[in-house]
C-alpha atoms as a PDB file:
ATOM      1  CA  UNK A   1     -13.317 -14.836   0.366  1.00  0.00           C
ATOM      2  CA  UNK A   2     -14.577 -14.101  -3.024  1.00  0.00           C
ATOM      3  CA  UNK A   3     -12.836 -13.604  -6.099  1.00  0.00           C
ATOM      4  CA  UNK A   4     -14.388  -9.363  -5.910  1.00  0.00           C
ATOM      5  CA  UNK A   5     -12.073  -9.293  -2.042  1.00  0.00           C
ATOM      6  CA  UNK A   6      -8.871 -10.411  -4.084  1.00  0.00           C
ATOM      7  CA  UNK A   7      -9.561  -8.255  -6.517  1.00  0.00           C
ATOM      8  CA  UNK A   8      -9.263  -5.001  -3.786  1.00  0.00           C
ATOM      9  CA  UNK A   9      -6.468  -6.664  -1.910  1.00  0.00           C
ATOM     10  CA  UNK A  10      -4.542  -6.913  -4.886  1.00  0.00           C
ATOM     11  CA  UNK A  11      -5.024  -3.238  -6.497  1.00  0.00           C
ATOM     12  CA  UNK A  12      -4.281  -2.165  -2.617  1.00  0.00           C
ATOM     13  CA  UNK A  13      -1.156  -4.108  -2.973  1.00  0.00           C
ATOM     14  CA  UNK A  14      -0.199  -2.482  -5.942  1.00  0.00           C
ATOM     15  CA  UNK A  15      -0.981   0.482  -5.318  1.00  0.00           C
ATOM     16  CA  UNK A  16       1.199   0.228  -2.077  1.00  0.00           C
ATOM     17  CA  UNK A  17       4.118  -0.920  -4.300  1.00  0.00           C
ATOM     18  CA  UNK A  18       3.477   1.852  -6.837  1.00  0.00           C
ATOM     19  CA  UNK A  19       3.577   5.333  -4.003  1.00  0.00           C
ATOM     20  CA  UNK A  20       6.505   3.783  -2.696  1.00  0.00           C
ATOM     21  CA  UNK A  21       8.737   3.559  -4.832  1.00  0.00           C
ATOM     22  CA  UNK A  22       7.619   6.882  -6.563  1.00  0.00           C
ATOM     23  CA  UNK A  23       8.205   8.726  -3.347  1.00  0.00           C
ATOM     24  CA  UNK A  24      11.772   6.821  -3.232  1.00  0.00           C
ATOM     25  CA  UNK A  25      12.449   8.288  -6.480  1.00  0.00           C
ATOM     26  CA  UNK A  26      11.241  12.004  -6.137  1.00  0.00           C
ATOM     27  CA  UNK A  27      13.182  12.236  -3.084  1.00  0.00           C
ATOM     28  CA  UNK A  28      16.204  10.191  -4.640  1.00  0.00           C
ATOM     29  CA  UNK A  29      16.471   8.515  -1.495  1.00  0.00           C
ATOM     30  CA  UNK A  30      19.482   6.370  -1.654  1.00  0.00           C
ATOM     31  CA  UNK A  31      21.094   3.094  -0.090  1.00  0.00           C
ATOM     32  CA  UNK A  32      19.960  -0.455   0.168  1.00  0.00           C
ATOM     33  CA  UNK A  33      18.066   0.337   4.263  1.00  0.00           C
ATOM     34  CA  UNK A  34      17.095   3.615   4.302  1.00  0.00           C
ATOM     35  CA  UNK A  35      15.315   2.860   0.701  1.00  0.00           C
ATOM     36  CA  UNK A  36      13.807  -0.538   2.740  1.00  0.00           C
ATOM     37  CA  UNK A  37      12.725   1.396   5.233  1.00  0.00           C
ATOM     38  CA  UNK A  38      10.958   4.380   3.252  1.00  0.00           C
ATOM     39  CA  UNK A  39       9.368   1.570   0.967  1.00  0.00           C
ATOM     40  CA  UNK A  40       8.372  -0.583   3.907  1.00  0.00           C
ATOM     41  CA  UNK A  41       6.205   2.406   5.791  1.00  0.00           C
ATOM     42  CA  UNK A  42       5.453   4.115   3.142  1.00  0.00           C
ATOM     43  CA  UNK A  43       4.118   0.988   1.783  1.00  0.00           C
ATOM     44  CA  UNK A  44       2.633   0.037   4.856  1.00  0.00           C
ATOM     45  CA  UNK A  45       0.458   3.352   5.529  1.00  0.00           C
ATOM     46  CA  UNK A  46      -0.518   3.564   1.661  1.00  0.00           C
ATOM     47  CA  UNK A  47      -2.288   0.081   1.737  1.00  0.00           C
ATOM     48  CA  UNK A  48      -3.585   0.695   5.173  1.00  0.00           C
ATOM     49  CA  UNK A  49      -5.866   3.268   4.641  1.00  0.00           C
ATOM     50  CA  UNK A  50      -7.681   1.288   1.469  1.00  0.00           C
ATOM     51  CA  UNK A  51      -8.240  -2.193   3.530  1.00  0.00           C
ATOM     52  CA  UNK A  52      -9.630   0.215   6.756  1.00  0.00           C
ATOM     53  CA  UNK A  53     -12.416   2.036   4.099  1.00  0.00           C
ATOM     54  CA  UNK A  54     -13.065  -1.213   3.089  1.00  0.00           C
ATOM     55  CA  UNK A  55     -13.092  -3.496   6.147  1.00  0.00           C
ATOM     56  CA  UNK A  56     -15.565  -0.690   7.228  1.00  0.00           C
ATOM     57  CA  UNK A  57     -17.529  -0.331   4.448  1.00  0.00           C
ATOM     58  CA  UNK A  58     -18.286  -4.505   4.616  1.00  0.00           C
ATOM     59  CA  UNK A  59     -19.368  -4.156   8.476  1.00  0.00           C
ATOM     60  CA  UNK A  60     -21.548  -1.026   7.572  1.00  0.00           C
ATOM     61  CA  UNK A  61     -23.653  -4.028   5.430  1.00  0.00           C
END
């Protein structure tokens, strides 16, 4: 894997963390297990979308 791909993965990961934490804070979700569940699900969705798009674009070349 190239450095470019690692940077793309890091940006996707960082974006998923920031979006997940923002949504938890926005809806004022409380409780360790509920916060953990929401962050996990939203983080997974947010990271899957750009990674899928990047993979499809890479395979088209």
